[in-house]
């Protein structure tokens, strides 16, 4: 039985090795990060999104930490009703992802 357990454990580790682990950031931590100047305000980050999608409305958003980087993930609906998934570097405002929602 221990040999089977070892094989299954190795297989599980192999399949999850490439998976990016993300940590959701709680609202109180968001305030601390912003006050420390680590991340930009959500208002400023949202402005960067509106440059890409004028007239869009924010559907959902959250801040996560991925591999030591704070990433603001959000979903917007543009003026034509199309949903978009975006990711921004919360420190710089750089748009990392900007794709139509499937």
PDB file of N, CA and C in Angstrom:
ATOM      1  N   UNK A   1       0.810  -1.198   0.000  1.00  0.00           N
ATOM      2  CA  UNK A   1       0.000   0.000   0.000  1.00  0.00           C
ATOM      3  C   UNK A   1       0.855   1.265   0.000  1.00  0.00           C
ATOM      4  N   UNK A   2       1.990   1.265   0.686  1.00  0.00           N
ATOM      5  CA  UNK A   2       2.827   2.460   0.715  1.00  0.00           C
ATOM      6  C   UNK A   2       3.426   2.759  -0.649  1.00  0.00           C
ATOM      7  N   UNK A   3       3.685   1.724  -1.448  1.00  0.00           N
ATOM      8  CA  UNK A   3       4.216   1.937  -2.788  1.00  0.00           C
ATOM      9  C   UNK A   3       3.175   2.652  -3.656  1.00  0.00           C
ATOM     10  N   UNK A   4       1.910   2.254  -3.540  1.00  0.00           N
ATOM     11  CA  UNK A   4       0.827   2.887  -4.279  1.00  0.00           C
ATOM     12  C   UNK A   4       0.662   4.335  -3.833  1.00  0.00           C
ATOM     13  N   UNK A   5       0.744   4.580  -2.544  1.00  0.00           N
ATOM     14  CA  UNK A   5       0.632   5.937  -2.018  1.00  0.00           C
ATOM     15  C   UNK A   5       1.760   6.814  -2.548  1.00  0.00           C
ATOM     16  N   UNK A   6       2.955   6.268  -2.590  1.00  0.00           N
ATOM     17  CA  UNK A   6       4.109   7.024  -3.096  1.00  0.00           C
ATOM     18  C   UNK A   6       3.932   7.367  -4.574  1.00  0.00           C
ATOM     19  N   UNK A   7       3.434   6.420  -5.347  1.00  0.00           N
ATOM     20  CA  UNK A   7       3.218   6.650  -6.778  1.00  0.00           C
ATOM     21  C   UNK A   7       2.146   7.715  -6.992  1.00  0.00           C
ATOM     22  N   UNK A   8       1.049   7.621  -6.242  1.00  0.00           N
ATOM     23  CA  UNK A   8      -0.026   8.605  -6.376  1.00  0.00           C
ATOM     24  C   UNK A   8       0.439   9.992  -5.930  1.00  0.00           C
ATOM     25  N   UNK A   9       1.226  10.061  -4.868  1.00  0.00           N
ATOM     26  CA  UNK A   9       1.742  11.344  -4.387  1.00  0.00           C
ATOM     27  C   UNK A   9       2.662  11.974  -5.427  1.00  0.00           C
ATOM     28  N   UNK A  10       3.522  11.171  -6.028  1.00  0.00           N
ATOM     29  CA  UNK A  10       4.426  11.678  -7.056  1.00  0.00           C
ATOM     30  C   UNK A  10       3.654  12.185  -8.262  1.00  0.00           C
ATOM     31  N   UNK A  11       2.617  11.465  -8.647  1.00  0.00           N
ATOM     32  CA  UNK A  11       1.802  11.886  -9.788  1.00  0.00           C
ATOM     33  C   UNK A  11       1.084  13.197  -9.486  1.00  0.00           C
ATOM     34  N   UNK A  12       0.571  13.340  -8.288  1.00  0.00           N
ATOM     35  CA  UNK A  12      -0.118  14.566  -7.895  1.00  0.00           C
ATOM     36  C   UNK A  12       0.844  15.748  -7.892  1.00  0.00           C
ATOM     37  N   UNK A  13       2.022  15.571  -7.364  1.00  0.00           N
ATOM     38  CA  UNK A  13       3.019  16.638  -7.358  1.00  0.00           C
ATOM     39  C   UNK A  13       3.427  17.030  -8.770  1.00  0.00           C
ATOM     40  N   UNK A  14       3.553  16.054  -9.631  1.00  0.00           N
ATOM     41  CA  UNK A  14       3.942  16.335 -11.015  1.00  0.00           C
ATOM     42  C   UNK A  14       2.876  17.143 -11.739  1.00  0.00           C
ATOM     43  N   UNK A  15       1.609  16.859 -11.482  1.00  0.00           N
ATOM     44  CA  UNK A  15       0.539  17.563 -12.189  1.00  0.00           C
ATOM     45  C   UNK A  15       0.280  18.945 -11.620  1.00  0.00           C
ATOM     46  N   UNK A  16       0.623  19.180 -10.368  1.00  0.00           N
ATOM     47  CA  UNK A  16       0.363  20.489  -9.775  1.00  0.00           C
ATOM     48  C   UNK A  16       1.592  21.378  -9.753  1.00  0.00           C
ATOM     49  N   UNK A  17       2.731  20.891 -10.187  1.00  0.00           N
ATOM     50  CA  UNK A  17       3.977  21.667 -10.125  1.00  0.00           C
ATOM     51  C   UNK A  17       3.901  22.944 -10.945  1.00  0.00           C
ATOM     52  N   UNK A  18       3.208  22.923 -12.082  1.00  0.00           N
ATOM     53  CA  UNK A  18       3.131  24.098 -12.942  1.00  0.00           C
ATOM     54  C   UNK A  18       1.967  25.018 -12.647  1.00  0.00           C
ATOM     55  N   UNK A  19       1.148  24.692 -11.661  1.00  0.00           N
ATOM     56  CA  UNK A  19      -0.032  25.486 -11.350  1.00  0.00           C
ATOM     57  C   UNK A  19       0.366  26.696 -10.513  1.00  0.00           C
ATOM     58  N   UNK A  20      -0.078  27.870 -10.929  1.00  0.00           N
ATOM     59  CA  UNK A  20       0.204  29.089 -10.188  1.00  0.00           C
ATOM     60  C   UNK A  20      -0.738  29.166  -8.997  1.00  0.00           C
ATOM     61  N   UNK A  21      -0.167  29.361  -7.834  1.00  0.00           N
ATOM     62  CA  UNK A  21      -0.962  29.511  -6.631  1.00  0.00           C
ATOM     63  C   UNK A  21      -1.218  30.997  -6.400  1.00  0.00           C
ATOM     64  N   UNK A  22      -2.475  31.362  -6.207  1.00  0.00           N
ATOM     65  CA  UNK A  22      -2.841  32.752  -5.960  1.00  0.00           C
ATOM     66  C   UNK A  22      -3.478  32.859  -4.589  1.00  0.00           C
ATOM     67  N   UNK A  23      -3.243  33.996  -3.946  1.00  0.00           N
ATOM     68  CA  UNK A  23      -3.815  34.240  -2.625  1.00  0.00           C
ATOM     69  C   UNK A  23      -4.702  35.468  -2.721  1.00  0.00           C
ATOM     70  N   UNK A  24      -5.970  35.303  -2.320  1.00  0.00           N
ATOM     71  CA  UNK A  24      -6.888  36.442  -2.280  1.00  0.00           C
ATOM     72  C   UNK A  24      -6.449  37.397  -1.180  1.00  0.00           C
ATOM     73  N   UNK A  25      -6.539  38.691  -1.455  1.00  0.00           N
ATOM     74  CA  UNK A  25      -6.145  39.704  -0.496  1.00  0.00           C
ATOM     75  C   UNK A  25      -7.400  40.253   0.181  1.00  0.00           C
ATOM     76  N   UNK A  26      -7.413  40.211   1.505  1.00  0.00           N
ATOM     77  CA  UNK A  26      -8.552  40.695   2.291  1.00  0.00           C
ATOM     78  C   UNK A  26      -8.621  42.223   2.233  1.00  0.00           C
ATOM     79  N   UNK A  27      -9.830  42.792   2.385  1.00  0.00           N
ATOM     80  CA  UNK A  27      -9.996  44.251   2.304  1.00  0.00           C
ATOM     81  C   UNK A  27      -9.090  45.039   3.248  1.00  0.00           C
ATOM     82  N   UNK A  28      -8.881  44.559   4.466  1.00  0.00           N
ATOM     83  CA  UNK A  28      -8.023  45.300   5.395  1.00  0.00           C
ATOM     84  C   UNK A  28      -6.567  45.312   4.920  1.00  0.00           C
ATOM     85  N   UNK A  29      -6.139  44.235   4.269  1.00  0.00           N
ATOM     86  CA  UNK A  29      -4.786  44.191   3.727  1.00  0.00           C
ATOM     87  C   UNK A  29      -4.658  45.102   2.502  1.00  0.00           C
ATOM     88  N   UNK A  30      -5.728  45.217   1.723  1.00  0.00           N
ATOM     89  CA  UNK A  30      -5.731  46.114   0.562  1.00  0.00           C
ATOM     90  C   UNK A  30      -5.456  47.544   1.023  1.00  0.00           C
ATOM     91  N   UNK A  31      -6.124  47.955   2.094  1.00  0.00           N
ATOM     92  CA  UNK A  31      -5.938  49.309   2.623  1.00  0.00           C
ATOM     93  C   UNK A  31      -4.485  49.510   3.049  1.00  0.00           C
ATOM     94  N   UNK A  32      -3.923  48.535   3.740  1.00  0.00           N
ATOM     95  CA  UNK A  32      -2.528  48.638   4.191  1.00  0.00           C
ATOM     96  C   UNK A  32      -1.572  48.726   3.004  1.00  0.00           C
ATOM     97  N   UNK A  33      -1.797  47.903   1.984  1.00  0.00           N
ATOM     98  CA  UNK A  33      -0.935  47.911   0.797  1.00  0.00           C
ATOM     99  C   UNK A  33      -1.015  49.253   0.072  1.00  0.00           C
ATOM    100  N   UNK A  34      -2.222  49.798  -0.025  1.00  0.00           N
ATOM    101  CA  UNK A  34      -2.399  51.094  -0.688  1.00  0.00           C
ATOM    102  C   UNK A  34      -1.737  52.200   0.121  1.00  0.00           C
ATOM    103  N   UNK A  35      -1.966  52.220   1.430  1.00  0.00           N
ATOM    104  CA  UNK A  35      -1.384  53.255   2.285  1.00  0.00           C
ATOM    105  C   UNK A  35       0.144  53.210   2.280  1.00  0.00           C
ATOM    106  N   UNK A  36       0.705  52.017   2.114  1.00  0.00           N
ATOM    107  CA  UNK A  36       2.160  51.863   2.069  1.00  0.00           C
ATOM    108  C   UNK A  36       2.730  52.209   0.694  1.00  0.00           C
ATOM    109  N   UNK A  37       1.856  52.424  -0.295  1.00  0.00           N
ATOM    110  CA  UNK A  37       2.312  52.742  -1.642  1.00  0.00           C
ATOM    111  C   UNK A  37       2.706  51.509  -2.449  1.00  0.00           C
ATOM    112  N   UNK A  38       2.357  50.334  -1.940  1.00  0.00           N
ATOM    113  CA  UNK A  38       2.697  49.090  -2.633  1.00  0.00           C
ATOM    114  C   UNK A  38       1.832  48.877  -3.861  1.00  0.00           C
ATOM    115  N   UNK A  39       0.556  49.260  -3.759  1.00  0.00           N
ATOM    116  CA  UNK A  39      -0.371  49.128  -4.889  1.00  0.00           C
ATOM    117  C   UNK A  39      -1.027  50.482  -5.154  1.00  0.00           C
ATOM    118  N   UNK A  40      -1.516  50.646  -6.378  1.00  0.00           N
ATOM    119  CA  UNK A  40      -2.259  51.851  -6.744  1.00  0.00           C
ATOM    120  C   UNK A  40      -3.701  51.724  -6.255  1.00  0.00           C
ATOM    121  N   UNK A  41      -4.398  52.833  -6.222  1.00  0.00           N
ATOM    122  CA  UNK A  41      -5.806  52.806  -5.831  1.00  0.00           C
ATOM    123  C   UNK A  41      -6.622  52.090  -6.904  1.00  0.00           C
ATOM    124  N   UNK A  42      -7.724  51.484  -6.498  1.00  0.00           N
ATOM    125  CA  UNK A  42      -8.599  50.822  -7.457  1.00  0.00           C
ATOM    126  C   UNK A  42      -9.159  51.836  -8.447  1.00  0.00           C
ATOM    127  N   UNK A  43      -9.374  53.079  -7.998  1.00  0.00           N
ATOM    128  CA  UNK A  43      -9.884  54.104  -8.899  1.00  0.00           C
ATOM    129  C   UNK A  43      -8.909  54.336 -10.056  1.00  0.00           C
ATOM    130  N   UNK A  44      -7.618  54.423  -9.730  1.00  0.00           N
ATOM    131  CA  UNK A  44      -6.611  54.644 -10.768  1.00  0.00           C
ATOM    132  C   UNK A  44      -6.507  53.427 -11.690  1.00  0.00           C
ATOM    133  N   UNK A  45      -6.567  52.229 -11.115  1.00  0.00           N
ATOM    134  CA  UNK A  45      -6.512  51.015 -11.935  1.00  0.00           C
ATOM    135  C   UNK A  45      -7.742  50.911 -12.832  1.00  0.00           C
ATOM    136  N   UNK A  46      -8.906  51.284 -12.296  1.00  0.00           N
ATOM    137  CA  UNK A  46     -10.126  51.256 -13.104  1.00  0.00           C
ATOM    138  C   UNK A  46     -10.046  52.242 -14.263  1.00  0.00           C
ATOM    139  N   UNK A  47      -9.377  53.387 -14.043  1.00  0.00           N
ATOM    140  CA  UNK A  47      -9.193  54.362 -15.136  1.00  0.00           C
ATOM    141  C   UNK A  47      -8.408  53.740 -16.288  1.00  0.00           C
ATOM    142  N   UNK A  48      -7.400  52.929 -15.959  1.00  0.00           N
ATOM    143  CA  UNK A  48      -6.613  52.267 -17.007  1.00  0.00           C
ATOM    144  C   UNK A  48      -7.488  51.315 -17.818  1.00  0.00           C
ATOM    145  N   UNK A  49      -8.439  50.686 -17.152  1.00  0.00           N
ATOM    146  CA  UNK A  49      -9.362  49.778 -17.840  1.00  0.00           C
ATOM    147  C   UNK A  49     -10.282  50.566 -18.763  1.00  0.00           C
ATOM    148  N   UNK A  50     -10.757  51.710 -18.292  1.00  0.00           N
ATOM    149  CA  UNK A  50     -11.674  52.509 -19.102  1.00  0.00           C
ATOM    150  C   UNK A  50     -10.998  53.100 -20.334  1.00  0.00           C
ATOM    151  N   UNK A  51      -9.693  53.264 -20.298  1.00  0.00           N
ATOM    152  CA  UNK A  51      -8.967  53.698 -21.497  1.00  0.00           C
ATOM    153  C   UNK A  51      -9.070  52.609 -22.564  1.00  0.00           C
ATOM    154  N   UNK A  52      -8.984  51.358 -22.137  1.00  0.00           N
ATOM    155  CA  UNK A  52      -9.088  50.225 -23.057  1.00  0.00           C
ATOM    156  C   UNK A  52     -10.524  49.958 -23.494  1.00  0.00           C
ATOM    157  N   UNK A  53     -11.463  50.200 -22.584  1.00  0.00           N
ATOM    158  CA  UNK A  53     -12.882  49.901 -22.840  1.00  0.00           C
ATOM    159  C   UNK A  53     -13.750  51.084 -22.404  1.00  0.00           C
ATOM    160  N   UNK A  54     -13.778  52.154 -23.212  1.00  0.00           N
ATOM    161  CA  UNK A  54     -14.570  53.330 -22.847  1.00  0.00           C
ATOM    162  C   UNK A  54     -16.043  52.977 -22.655  1.00  0.00           C
ATOM    163  N   UNK A  55     -16.627  53.513 -21.596  1.00  0.00           N
ATOM    164  CA  UNK A  55     -18.041  53.277 -21.317  1.00  0.00           C
ATOM    165  C   UNK A  55     -18.328  51.945 -20.658  1.00  0.00           C
ATOM    166  N   UNK A  56     -17.308  51.177 -20.336  1.00  0.00           N
ATOM    167  CA  UNK A  56     -17.500  49.861 -19.710  1.00  0.00           C
ATOM    168  C   UNK A  56     -17.960  50.021 -18.265  1.00  0.00           C
ATOM    169  N   UNK A  57     -18.624  48.987 -17.773  1.00  0.00           N
ATOM    170  CA  UNK A  57     -19.031  48.943 -16.365  1.00  0.00           C
ATOM    171  C   UNK A  57     -18.337  47.768 -15.696  1.00  0.00           C
ATOM    172  N   UNK A  58     -17.926  47.989 -14.472  1.00  0.00           N
ATOM    173  CA  UNK A  58     -17.252  46.961 -13.692  1.00  0.00           C
ATOM    174  C   UNK A  58     -18.263  45.939 -13.209  1.00  0.00           C
ATOM    175  N   UNK A  59     -18.019  44.673 -13.525  1.00  0.00           N
ATOM    176  CA  UNK A  59     -18.894  43.585 -13.099  1.00  0.00           C
ATOM    177  C   UNK A  59     -18.393  42.946 -11.801  1.00  0.00           C
ATOM    178  N   UNK A  60     -17.075  42.718 -11.713  1.00  0.00           N
ATOM    179  CA  UNK A  60     -16.488  42.044 -10.557  1.00  0.00           C
ATOM    180  C   UNK A  60     -14.999  42.343 -10.535  1.00  0.00           C
ATOM    181  N   UNK A  61     -14.429  42.404  -9.352  1.00  0.00           N
ATOM    182  CA  UNK A  61     -13.000  42.640  -9.238  1.00  0.00           C
ATOM    183  C   UNK A  61     -12.454  42.136  -7.921  1.00  0.00           C
ATOM    184  N   UNK A  62     -11.170  41.749  -7.941  1.00  0.00           N
ATOM    185  CA  UNK A  62     -10.513  41.303  -6.715  1.00  0.00           C
ATOM    186  C   UNK A  62      -9.013  41.452  -6.865  1.00  0.00           C
ATOM    187  N   UNK A  63      -8.358  41.547  -5.730  1.00  0.00           N
ATOM    188  CA  UNK A  63      -6.911  41.644  -5.697  1.00  0.00           C
ATOM    189  C   UNK A  63      -6.347  40.323  -5.216  1.00  0.00           C
ATOM    190  N   UNK A  64      -5.346  39.827  -5.933  1.00  0.00           N
ATOM    191  CA  UNK A  64      -4.691  38.571  -5.562  1.00  0.00           C
ATOM    192  C   UNK A  64      -3.183  38.777  -5.584  1.00  0.00           C
ATOM    193  N   UNK A  65      -2.501  37.927  -4.843  1.00  0.00           N
ATOM    194  CA  UNK A  65      -1.051  37.890  -4.900  1.00  0.00           C
ATOM    195  C   UNK A  65      -0.662  36.619  -5.632  1.00  0.00           C
ATOM    196  N   UNK A  66       0.075  36.773  -6.721  1.00  0.00           N
ATOM    197  CA  UNK A  66       0.515  35.648  -7.541  1.00  0.00           C
ATOM    198  C   UNK A  66       2.026  35.718  -7.686  1.00  0.00           C
ATOM    199  N   UNK A  67       2.708  34.764  -7.121  1.00  0.00           N
ATOM    200  CA  UNK A  67       4.167  34.678  -7.211  1.00  0.00           C
ATOM    201  C   UNK A  67       4.839  35.993  -6.807  1.00  0.00           C
ATOM    202  N   UNK A  68       4.385  36.562  -5.704  1.00  0.00           N
ATOM    203  CA  UNK A  68       4.979  37.785  -5.187  1.00  0.00           C
ATOM    204  C   UNK A  68       4.532  39.059  -5.872  1.00  0.00           C
ATOM    205  N   UNK A  69       3.597  38.977  -6.790  1.00  0.00           N
ATOM    206  CA  UNK A  69       3.112  40.137  -7.541  1.00  0.00           C
ATOM    207  C   UNK A  69       1.633  40.336  -7.206  1.00  0.00           C
ATOM    208  N   UNK A  70       1.237  41.584  -6.959  1.00  0.00           N
ATOM    209  CA  UNK A  70      -0.173  41.885  -6.694  1.00  0.00           C
ATOM    210  C   UNK A  70      -0.876  42.129  -8.027  1.00  0.00           C
ATOM    211  N   UNK A  71      -1.923  41.345  -8.264  1.00  0.00           N
ATOM    212  CA  UNK A  71      -2.645  41.393  -9.532  1.00  0.00           C
ATOM    213  C   UNK A  71      -4.105  41.729  -9.252  1.00  0.00           C
ATOM    214  N   UNK A  72      -4.590  42.767  -9.925  1.00  0.00           N
ATOM    215  CA  UNK A  72      -5.986  43.180  -9.833  1.00  0.00           C
ATOM    216  C   UNK A  72      -6.713  42.507 -10.994  1.00  0.00           C
ATOM    217  N   UNK A  73      -7.604  41.575 -10.663  1.00  0.00           N
ATOM    218  CA  UNK A  73      -8.374  40.853 -11.676  1.00  0.00           C
ATOM    219  C   UNK A  73      -9.787  41.405 -11.695  1.00  0.00           C
ATOM    220  N   UNK A  74     -10.288  41.681 -12.891  1.00  0.00           N
ATOM    221  CA  UNK A  74     -11.645  42.176 -12.965  1.00  0.00           C
ATOM    222  C   UNK A  74     -12.335  41.766 -14.245  1.00  0.00           C
ATOM    223  N   UNK A  75     -13.635  41.822 -14.167  1.00  0.00           N
ATOM    224  CA  UNK A  75     -14.494  41.558 -15.316  1.00  0.00           C
ATOM    225  C   UNK A  75     -15.274  42.831 -15.584  1.00  0.00           C
ATOM    226  N   UNK A  76     -15.332  43.230 -16.854  1.00  0.00           N
ATOM    227  CA  UNK A  76     -16.087  44.414 -17.248  1.00  0.00           C
ATOM    228  C   UNK A  76     -17.005  44.065 -18.409  1.00  0.00           C
ATOM    229  N   UNK A  77     -18.029  44.881 -18.552  1.00  0.00           N
ATOM    230  CA  UNK A  77     -18.934  44.776 -19.701  1.00  0.00           C
ATOM    231  C   UNK A  77     -18.821  46.084 -20.468  1.00  0.00           C
ATOM    232  N   UNK A  78     -18.432  45.968 -21.752  1.00  0.00           N
ATOM    233  CA  UNK A  78     -18.242  47.189 -22.543  1.00  0.00           C
ATOM    234  C   UNK A  78     -19.581  47.759 -23.001  1.00  0.00           C
ATOM    235  N   UNK A  79     -19.527  48.890 -23.687  1.00  0.00           N
ATOM    236  CA  UNK A  79     -20.738  49.598 -24.119  1.00  0.00           C
ATOM    237  C   UNK A  79     -21.599  48.768 -25.073  1.00  0.00           C
ATOM    238  N   UNK A  80     -20.985  47.776 -25.748  1.00  0.00           N
ATOM    239  CA  UNK A  80     -21.737  46.899 -26.648  1.00  0.00           C
ATOM    240  C   UNK A  80     -22.260  45.651 -25.936  1.00  0.00           C
ATOM    241  N   UNK A  81     -22.013  45.531 -24.636  1.00  0.00           N
ATOM    242  CA  UNK A  81     -22.497  44.392 -23.867  1.00  0.00           C
ATOM    243  C   UNK A  81     -21.550  43.200 -23.834  1.00  0.00           C
ATOM    244  N   UNK A  82     -20.350  43.351 -24.383  1.00  0.00           N
ATOM    245  CA  UNK A  82     -19.365  42.268 -24.416  1.00  0.00           C
ATOM    246  C   UNK A  82     -18.621  42.239 -23.082  1.00  0.00           C
ATOM    247  N   UNK A  83     -18.464  41.028 -22.516  1.00  0.00           N
ATOM    248  CA  UNK A  83     -17.738  40.874 -21.260  1.00  0.00           C
ATOM    249  C   UNK A  83     -16.254  40.647 -21.534  1.00  0.00           C
ATOM    250  N   UNK A  84     -15.408  41.275 -20.718  1.00  0.00           N
ATOM    251  CA  UNK A  84     -13.954  41.187 -20.840  1.00  0.00           C
ATOM    252  C   UNK A  84     -13.352  40.794 -19.506  1.00  0.00           C
ATOM    253  N   UNK A  85     -12.313  39.961 -19.557  1.00  0.00           N
ATOM    254  CA  UNK A  85     -11.517  39.608 -18.386  1.00  0.00           C
ATOM    255  C   UNK A  85     -10.199  40.357 -18.486  1.00  0.00           C
ATOM    256  N   UNK A  86      -9.861  41.074 -17.431  1.00  0.00           N
ATOM    257  CA  UNK A  86      -8.618  41.832 -17.412  1.00  0.00           C
ATOM    258  C   UNK A  86      -7.826  41.515 -16.159  1.00  0.00           C
ATOM    259  N   UNK A  87      -6.514  41.626 -16.274  1.00  0.00           N
ATOM    260  CA  UNK A  87      -5.613  41.536 -15.133  1.00  0.00           C
ATOM    261  C   UNK A  87      -4.639  42.692 -15.258  1.00  0.00           C
ATOM    262  N   UNK A  88      -4.432  43.389 -14.151  1.00  0.00           N
ATOM    263  CA  UNK A  88      -3.497  44.503 -14.110  1.00  0.00           C
ATOM    264  C   UNK A  88      -2.496  44.280 -12.992  1.00  0.00           C
ATOM    265  N   UNK A  89      -1.270  44.696 -13.225  1.00  0.00           N
ATOM    266  CA  UNK A  89      -0.286  44.729 -12.163  1.00  0.00           C
ATOM    267  C   UNK A  89      -0.735  45.865 -11.238  1.00  0.00           C
ATOM    268  N   UNK A  90      -1.067  45.534  -9.996  1.00  0.00           N
ATOM    269  CA  UNK A  90      -1.634  46.523  -9.082  1.00  0.00           C
ATOM    270  C   UNK A  90      -0.613  47.561  -8.637  1.00  0.00           C
ATOM    271  N   UNK A  91       0.660  47.297  -8.805  1.00  0.00           N
ATOM    272  CA  UNK A  91       1.700  48.253  -8.425  1.00  0.00           C
ATOM    273  C   UNK A  91       1.946  49.272  -9.526  1.00  0.00           C
ATOM    274  N   UNK A  92       1.923  48.817 -10.786  1.00  0.00           N
ATOM    275  CA  UNK A  92       2.290  49.690 -11.900  1.00  0.00           C
ATOM    276  C   UNK A  92       1.113  50.116 -12.769  1.00  0.00           C
ATOM    277  N   UNK A  93       0.015  49.359 -12.723  1.00  0.00           N
ATOM    278  CA  UNK A  93      -1.125  49.630 -13.586  1.00  0.00           C
ATOM    279  C   UNK A  93      -1.000  48.993 -14.959  1.00  0.00           C
ATOM    280  N   UNK A  94       0.100  48.273 -15.202  1.00  0.00           N
ATOM    281  CA  UNK A  94       0.305  47.606 -16.488  1.00  0.00           C
ATOM    282  C   UNK A  94      -0.789  46.565 -16.719  1.00  0.00           C
ATOM    283  N   UNK A  95      -1.373  46.559 -17.906  1.00  0.00           N
ATOM    284  CA  UNK A  95      -2.389  45.570 -18.250  1.00  0.00           C
ATOM    285  C   UNK A  95      -1.683  44.289 -18.666  1.00  0.00           C
ATOM    286  N   UNK A  96      -1.940  43.228 -17.920  1.00  0.00           N
ATOM    287  CA  UNK A  96      -1.305  41.938 -18.163  1.00  0.00           C
ATOM    288  C   UNK A  96      -2.167  41.028 -19.031  1.00  0.00           C
ATOM    289  N   UNK A  97      -3.471  41.216 -18.946  1.00  0.00           N
ATOM    290  CA  UNK A  97      -4.412  40.369 -19.696  1.00  0.00           C
ATOM    291  C   UNK A  97      -5.609  41.238 -20.055  1.00  0.00           C
ATOM    292  N   UNK A  98      -6.114  41.053 -21.282  1.00  0.00           N
ATOM    293  CA  UNK A  98      -7.274  41.802 -21.756  1.00  0.00           C
ATOM    294  C   UNK A  98      -7.940  40.942 -22.828  1.00  0.00           C
ATOM    295  N   UNK A  99      -8.819  40.045 -22.387  1.00  0.00           N
ATOM    296  CA  UNK A  99      -9.433  39.078 -23.307  1.00  0.00           C
ATOM    297  C   UNK A  99     -10.950  39.079 -23.166  1.00  0.00           C
ATOM    298  N   UNK A 100     -11.616  38.817 -24.294  1.00  0.00           N
ATOM    299  CA  UNK A 100     -13.068  38.614 -24.238  1.00  0.00           C
ATOM    300  C   UNK A 100     -13.360  37.401 -23.376  1.00  0.00           C
ATOM    301  N   UNK A 101     -14.423  37.530 -22.578  1.00  0.00           N
ATOM    302  CA  UNK A 101     -14.839  36.404 -21.737  1.00  0.00           C
ATOM    303  C   UNK A 101     -15.480  35.343 -22.609  1.00  0.00           C
ATOM    304  N   UNK A 102     -15.105  34.110 -22.376  1.00  0.00           N
ATOM    305  CA  UNK A 102     -15.667  32.994 -23.160  1.00  0.00           C
ATOM    306  C   UNK A 102     -16.979  32.522 -22.610  1.00  0.00           C
TER     307      UNK A 102
END
